Amino acid sequence: MHELSITQQIVETCCNAAGDANVARVTVEIGCLCGILPDAVSFCYEVCTQGTPLEGSVLQIVSVPARARCRACFAESEIVDFLPLCRCGSADLDLTGGNELRIMELEIG
């Protein structure tokens, strides 16, 4: 379960940014293509925050859908199938979203 080590890194990064301040909320973006299960990160979060300034804070996870740009017609669209096709029929797509893993916000309070 690599989500445990990822969650530990999120907590460590937020602790370094927060210093001695107590953290009320952490908002993280997780792309649907990055191979990280949001439910597993949520499960690990409480354990990883024990004894840190993040203990008792809320983890808010924002899911980012997969997006692509067609190389043929340059249209951008959300990917919903395992075999993505543009509206123009082309399968020649560049991924433009869905691989994110970012700490977006740290609410002190």
Protein backbone atom coordinates (compact mmCIF):
# COMPACT_ATOMS: atom_id res chain seq x y z
CA MET A 1 0.00 0.00 0.00
CA HIS A 2 2.02 2.94 -1.28
CA GLU A 3 -0.71 5.33 -0.16
CA LEU A 4 0.69 5.12 3.39
CA SER A 5 4.08 6.50 2.38
CA ILE A 6 2.41 9.13 0.17
CA THR A 7 0.18 10.20 3.07
CA GLN A 8 3.23 10.36 5.36
CA GLN A 9 4.93 12.67 2.86
CA ILE A 10 1.84 14.89 2.61
CA VAL A 11 1.74 15.17 6.42
CA GLU A 12 5.48 15.89 6.65
CA THR A 13 5.28 18.58 3.97
CA CYS A 14 2.30 20.24 5.66
CA CYS A 15 3.98 20.09 9.09
CA ASN A 16 7.07 21.81 7.68
CA ALA A 17 4.90 24.52 6.11
CA ALA A 18 2.75 25.02 9.24
CA GLY A 19 5.58 25.18 11.76
CA ASP A 20 4.08 25.15 15.27
CA ALA A 21 0.63 26.31 14.14
CA ASN A 22 -2.30 23.93 14.42
CA VAL A 23 -3.80 22.93 11.09
CA ALA A 24 -7.58 22.75 10.66
CA ARG A 25 -7.81 21.49 7.08
CA VAL A 26 -5.60 20.12 4.32
CA THR A 27 -6.88 20.10 0.74
CA VAL A 28 -5.22 17.71 -1.69
CA GLU A 29 -5.84 17.17 -5.41
CA ILE A 30 -5.59 13.56 -6.60
CA GLY A 31 -5.88 12.81 -10.30
CA CYS A 32 -7.80 9.69 -11.32
CA LEU A 33 -4.85 8.50 -13.45
CA CYS A 34 -2.09 8.90 -10.86
CA GLY A 35 -2.55 5.43 -9.36
CA ILE A 36 -3.38 6.63 -5.86
CA LEU A 37 -6.61 5.57 -4.17
CA PRO A 38 -8.21 8.56 -2.42
CA ASP A 39 -10.04 6.30 0.05
CA ALA A 40 -6.73 4.71 1.09
CA VAL A 41 -5.15 8.16 1.63
CA SER A 42 -8.15 9.16 3.76
CA PHE A 43 -7.81 5.94 5.76
CA CYS A 44 -4.08 6.55 6.42
CA TYR A 45 -4.43 10.26 7.22
CA GLU A 46 -5.66 9.96 10.81
CA VAL A 47 -2.84 7.57 11.74
CA CYS A 48 -0.17 9.68 10.03
CA THR A 49 -1.26 12.91 11.72
CA GLN A 50 -1.15 11.59 15.30
CA GLY A 51 1.23 13.66 17.42
CA THR A 52 1.67 16.33 14.72
CA PRO A 53 0.22 19.83 14.24
CA LEU A 54 -2.20 18.19 11.79
CA GLU A 55 -3.77 15.91 14.42
CA GLY A 56 -7.53 16.45 14.37
CA SER A 57 -7.46 18.26 11.04
CA VAL A 58 -9.78 17.48 8.16
CA LEU A 59 -8.40 16.05 4.92
CA GLN A 60 -10.33 17.25 1.90
CA ILE A 61 -9.59 15.35 -1.30
CA VAL A 62 -10.48 16.89 -4.65
CA SER A 63 -10.66 14.29 -7.42
CA VAL A 64 -9.32 15.47 -10.77
CA PRO A 65 -10.79 13.78 -13.86
CA ALA A 66 -8.68 12.64 -16.78
CA ARG A 67 -8.54 15.19 -19.59
CA ALA A 68 -7.00 15.11 -23.05
CA ARG A 69 -6.39 17.31 -26.08
CA CYS A 70 -6.89 15.90 -29.56
CA ARG A 71 -3.86 16.24 -31.82
CA ALA A 72 -6.10 16.22 -34.89
CA CYS A 73 -8.68 18.90 -34.06
CA PHE A 74 -7.23 20.36 -30.82
CA ALA A 75 -10.48 19.83 -28.91
CA GLU A 76 -10.18 19.24 -25.17
CA SER A 77 -12.38 16.75 -23.39
CA GLU A 78 -12.73 14.60 -20.30
CA ILE A 79 -11.70 10.97 -20.71
CA VAL A 80 -14.37 8.56 -19.53
CA ASP A 81 -13.49 5.34 -21.38
CA PHE A 82 -10.50 2.99 -21.37
CA LEU A 83 -10.24 3.57 -25.12
CA PRO A 84 -10.65 7.34 -25.37
CA LEU A 85 -11.72 8.90 -28.63
CA CYS A 86 -12.21 12.54 -29.51
CA ARG A 87 -15.57 13.72 -30.83
CA CYS A 88 -13.88 13.93 -34.24
CA GLY A 89 -13.13 10.18 -34.06
CA SER A 90 -9.36 10.48 -33.50
CA ALA A 91 -7.61 8.39 -30.86
CA ASP A 92 -4.46 10.53 -31.10
CA LEU A 93 -4.75 12.32 -27.76
CA ASP A 94 -2.37 14.11 -25.39
CA LEU A 95 -3.20 13.73 -21.70
CA THR A 96 -3.60 17.14 -20.08
CA GLY A 97 -5.06 16.21 -16.69
CA GLY A 98 -5.60 13.40 -14.26
CA ASN A 99 -2.01 12.76 -13.12
CA GLU A 100 -2.07 15.39 -10.38
CA LEU A 101 -1.04 14.88 -6.77
CA ARG A 102 -0.87 18.30 -5.12
CA ILE A 103 -1.34 19.88 -1.74
CA MET A 104 -3.62 22.75 -2.71
CA GLU A 105 -4.41 24.39 0.61
CA LEU A 106 -3.38 24.36 4.24
CA GLU A 107 -5.88 26.02 6.59
CA ILE A 108 -4.37 27.16 9.86
CA GLY A 109 -6.68 27.58 12.80
